[in-house]
C-alpha cells in the first residue's frame, strides 16, 4: 500500500508541476492545486502515524473525490 502511495504522490506532484510550467488549458491552475493536494494526501511519509486523526480510509476517500472531480473542472463554463 505504501508503494502505491509513493507512486501516486510522485505522479501527482510531477503532473502538477508540469501544469504550472506550461499552463496548457484554462483552469489548469485549479487542476494543478488539486494535484498538489492529492500528492500531499497520498504521501506515506507524512501520514505514517495518524496526525490530525485522519485514517487511511479517509485519505483514500479524499483521493477518490479528487480524481472524480477532475472532469468537473474541465467542463466549459457557459
N, C-alpha and C. Protein backbone atom coordinates (compact mmCIF):
# COMPACT_ATOMS: atom_id res chain seq x y z
N UNK A 1 0.82 -1.19 0.00
CA UNK A 1 0.00 0.00 0.00
C UNK A 1 0.86 1.25 0.00
N UNK A 2 2.00 1.19 0.71
CA UNK A 2 2.87 2.35 0.76
C UNK A 2 3.48 2.63 -0.62
N UNK A 3 3.80 1.57 -1.36
CA UNK A 3 4.36 1.76 -2.70
C UNK A 3 3.37 2.45 -3.62
N UNK A 4 2.10 2.08 -3.54
CA UNK A 4 1.07 2.74 -4.34
C UNK A 4 0.95 4.21 -3.94
N UNK A 5 1.05 4.48 -2.65
CA UNK A 5 1.01 5.86 -2.17
C UNK A 5 2.18 6.68 -2.70
N UNK A 6 3.37 6.09 -2.68
CA UNK A 6 4.53 6.82 -3.22
C UNK A 6 4.38 7.09 -4.71
N UNK A 7 3.92 6.09 -5.45
CA UNK A 7 3.76 6.26 -6.90
C UNK A 7 2.73 7.34 -7.19
N UNK A 8 1.58 7.28 -6.50
CA UNK A 8 0.54 8.30 -6.72
C UNK A 8 1.05 9.69 -6.34
N UNK A 9 1.81 9.75 -5.27
CA UNK A 9 2.32 11.03 -4.80
C UNK A 9 3.27 11.66 -5.83
N UNK A 10 4.21 10.87 -6.33
CA UNK A 10 5.17 11.40 -7.30
C UNK A 10 4.50 11.76 -8.63
N UNK A 11 3.59 10.92 -9.08
CA UNK A 11 2.89 11.19 -10.35
C UNK A 11 2.07 12.48 -10.23
N UNK A 12 1.36 12.63 -9.13
CA UNK A 12 0.54 13.83 -8.94
C UNK A 12 1.40 15.08 -8.82
N UNK A 13 2.52 14.97 -8.09
CA UNK A 13 3.40 16.12 -7.92
C UNK A 13 4.02 16.54 -9.25
N UNK A 14 4.52 15.59 -10.02
CA UNK A 14 5.14 15.93 -11.31
C UNK A 14 4.11 16.46 -12.30
N UNK A 15 2.89 15.92 -12.27
CA UNK A 15 1.84 16.43 -13.16
C UNK A 15 1.46 17.85 -12.77
N UNK A 16 1.39 18.13 -11.48
CA UNK A 16 1.06 19.49 -11.03
C UNK A 16 2.15 20.47 -11.42
N UNK A 17 3.40 20.06 -11.27
CA UNK A 17 4.49 20.95 -11.67
C UNK A 17 4.51 21.18 -13.17
N UNK A 18 4.17 20.16 -13.96
CA UNK A 18 4.12 20.33 -15.41
C UNK A 18 2.98 21.27 -15.80
N UNK A 19 1.83 21.17 -15.13
CA UNK A 19 0.72 22.08 -15.43
C UNK A 19 1.07 23.51 -15.05
N UNK A 20 1.78 23.69 -13.98
CA UNK A 20 2.16 25.05 -13.58
C UNK A 20 3.20 25.64 -14.54
N UNK A 21 4.02 24.77 -15.12
CA UNK A 21 5.06 25.25 -16.03
C UNK A 21 4.47 25.66 -17.38
N UNK A 22 3.60 24.83 -17.93
CA UNK A 22 3.12 25.06 -19.30
C UNK A 22 1.82 25.83 -19.36
N UNK A 23 0.91 25.60 -18.42
CA UNK A 23 -0.43 26.18 -18.42
C UNK A 23 -1.14 25.97 -19.77
N UNK A 24 -1.37 24.69 -20.15
CA UNK A 24 -1.91 24.42 -21.48
C UNK A 24 -3.39 24.76 -21.65
N UNK A 25 -4.18 24.71 -20.59
CA UNK A 25 -5.62 24.96 -20.72
C UNK A 25 -6.06 25.95 -19.66
N UNK A 26 -7.16 26.61 -19.89
CA UNK A 26 -7.70 27.49 -18.86
C UNK A 26 -8.27 26.66 -17.74
N UNK A 27 -7.93 26.94 -16.53
CA UNK A 27 -8.35 26.14 -15.40
C UNK A 27 -7.28 25.17 -14.95
N UNK A 28 -6.12 25.23 -15.58
CA UNK A 28 -5.06 24.31 -15.19
C UNK A 28 -4.45 24.67 -13.84
N UNK A 29 -4.62 25.92 -13.41
CA UNK A 29 -4.11 26.30 -12.09
C UNK A 29 -4.91 25.58 -11.01
N UNK A 30 -6.22 25.51 -11.16
CA UNK A 30 -7.05 24.80 -10.18
C UNK A 30 -6.75 23.31 -10.22
N UNK A 31 -6.58 22.76 -11.41
CA UNK A 31 -6.24 21.35 -11.55
C UNK A 31 -4.88 21.08 -10.92
N UNK A 32 -3.94 21.99 -11.11
CA UNK A 32 -2.62 21.85 -10.51
C UNK A 32 -2.71 21.88 -8.98
N UNK A 33 -3.55 22.75 -8.44
CA UNK A 33 -3.73 22.80 -6.99
C UNK A 33 -4.31 21.50 -6.45
N UNK A 34 -5.27 20.92 -7.18
CA UNK A 34 -5.84 19.64 -6.77
C UNK A 34 -4.81 18.52 -6.82
N UNK A 35 -3.95 18.56 -7.83
CA UNK A 35 -2.91 17.53 -7.92
C UNK A 35 -1.89 17.67 -6.80
N UNK A 36 -1.57 18.90 -6.41
CA UNK A 36 -0.66 19.09 -5.29
C UNK A 36 -1.31 18.59 -4.00
N UNK A 37 -2.59 18.83 -3.84
CA UNK A 37 -3.31 18.32 -2.67
C UNK A 37 -3.34 16.79 -2.69
N UNK A 38 -3.53 16.20 -3.86
CA UNK A 38 -3.50 14.75 -3.98
C UNK A 38 -2.13 14.20 -3.64
N UNK A 39 -1.07 14.89 -4.06
CA UNK A 39 0.28 14.46 -3.73
C UNK A 39 0.50 14.49 -2.22
N UNK A 40 -0.06 15.48 -1.56
CA UNK A 40 0.07 15.58 -0.11
C UNK A 40 -0.74 14.48 0.58
N UNK A 41 -1.93 14.21 0.08
CA UNK A 41 -2.77 13.17 0.69
C UNK A 41 -2.16 11.78 0.48
N UNK A 42 -1.54 11.54 -0.67
CA UNK A 42 -1.04 10.21 -0.98
C UNK A 42 0.33 9.92 -0.40
N UNK A 43 1.05 10.91 0.09
CA UNK A 43 2.42 10.72 0.56
C UNK A 43 2.45 9.90 1.85
N UNK A 44 3.02 8.69 1.83
CA UNK A 44 3.02 7.85 3.02
C UNK A 44 3.95 8.37 4.12
N UNK A 45 4.97 9.11 3.76
CA UNK A 45 5.92 9.60 4.76
C UNK A 45 5.24 10.57 5.73
N UNK A 46 4.36 11.41 5.21
CA UNK A 46 3.68 12.40 6.06
C UNK A 46 2.65 11.72 6.94
N UNK A 47 1.97 10.72 6.43
CA UNK A 47 0.84 10.12 7.13
C UNK A 47 1.18 8.77 7.75
N UNK A 48 2.45 8.53 8.09
CA UNK A 48 2.84 7.25 8.68
C UNK A 48 2.09 7.01 9.99
N UNK A 49 2.13 7.94 10.86
CA UNK A 49 1.32 7.89 12.09
C UNK A 49 0.02 8.60 11.76
N UNK A 50 -0.88 8.71 12.67
CA UNK A 50 -2.15 9.37 12.38
C UNK A 50 -2.13 10.79 12.94
N UNK A 51 -1.42 11.72 12.27
CA UNK A 51 -1.50 13.10 12.75
C UNK A 51 -2.87 13.67 12.39
N UNK A 52 -3.37 14.50 13.19
CA UNK A 52 -4.67 15.14 12.98
C UNK A 52 -5.83 14.15 13.00
N UNK A 53 -5.57 12.89 13.35
CA UNK A 53 -6.64 11.90 13.46
C UNK A 53 -7.23 11.45 12.15
N UNK A 54 -6.51 11.57 11.05
CA UNK A 54 -7.02 11.17 9.73
C UNK A 54 -6.55 9.75 9.44
N UNK A 55 -7.51 8.86 9.21
CA UNK A 55 -7.18 7.46 8.97
C UNK A 55 -6.88 7.20 7.50
N UNK A 56 -6.43 5.99 7.21
CA UNK A 56 -6.11 5.61 5.84
C UNK A 56 -7.35 5.63 4.95
N UNK A 57 -8.47 5.16 5.48
CA UNK A 57 -9.71 5.15 4.71
C UNK A 57 -10.17 6.54 4.32
N UNK A 58 -10.01 7.49 5.24
CA UNK A 58 -10.40 8.87 4.93
C UNK A 58 -9.48 9.47 3.86
N UNK A 59 -8.20 9.13 3.90
CA UNK A 59 -7.29 9.63 2.86
C UNK A 59 -7.60 9.02 1.51
N UNK A 60 -7.93 7.73 1.47
CA UNK A 60 -8.29 7.08 0.21
C UNK A 60 -9.56 7.70 -0.36
N UNK A 61 -10.54 7.95 0.50
CA UNK A 61 -11.78 8.58 0.06
C UNK A 61 -11.52 9.98 -0.48
N UNK A 62 -10.67 10.76 0.18
CA UNK A 62 -10.34 12.10 -0.32
C UNK A 62 -9.62 12.03 -1.66
N UNK A 63 -8.74 11.06 -1.84
CA UNK A 63 -8.05 10.90 -3.12
C UNK A 63 -9.04 10.54 -4.23
N UNK A 64 -10.00 9.66 -3.93
CA UNK A 64 -11.01 9.31 -4.94
C UNK A 64 -11.88 10.51 -5.29
N UNK A 65 -12.23 11.32 -4.29
CA UNK A 65 -13.01 12.52 -4.58
C UNK A 65 -12.24 13.47 -5.49
N UNK A 66 -10.94 13.61 -5.24
CA UNK A 66 -10.13 14.48 -6.10
C UNK A 66 -10.06 13.94 -7.52
N UNK A 67 -9.88 12.61 -7.67
CA UNK A 67 -9.83 12.02 -9.00
C UNK A 67 -11.14 12.21 -9.75
N UNK A 68 -12.26 12.01 -9.05
CA UNK A 68 -13.55 12.10 -9.72
C UNK A 68 -14.01 13.53 -9.97
N UNK A 69 -13.41 14.51 -9.31
CA UNK A 69 -13.81 15.90 -9.54
C UNK A 69 -13.06 16.56 -10.69
N UNK A 70 -12.06 15.90 -11.24
CA UNK A 70 -11.29 16.47 -12.34
C UNK A 70 -12.15 16.76 -13.57
N UNK A 71 -13.06 15.86 -14.00
CA UNK A 71 -13.89 16.20 -15.17
C UNK A 71 -14.75 17.42 -14.96
N UNK A 72 -15.16 17.71 -13.75
CA UNK A 72 -15.95 18.92 -13.49
C UNK A 72 -15.15 20.17 -13.77
N UNK A 73 -13.85 20.12 -13.53
CA UNK A 73 -13.00 21.28 -13.80
C UNK A 73 -12.81 21.52 -15.28
N UNK A 74 -12.89 20.45 -16.05
CA UNK A 74 -12.62 20.57 -17.49
C UNK A 74 -13.86 20.92 -18.30
N UNK A 75 -15.04 20.96 -17.66
CA UNK A 75 -16.26 21.35 -18.37
C UNK A 75 -16.20 22.83 -18.74
N UNK A 76 -16.65 23.17 -19.93
CA UNK A 76 -16.64 24.59 -20.29
C UNK A 76 -17.69 25.36 -19.50
N UNK A 77 -17.34 26.56 -19.14
CA UNK A 77 -18.27 27.43 -18.43
C UNK A 77 -19.09 28.19 -19.46
N UNK A 78 -20.39 27.99 -19.44
CA UNK A 78 -21.23 28.60 -20.47
C UNK A 78 -21.73 29.95 -20.06
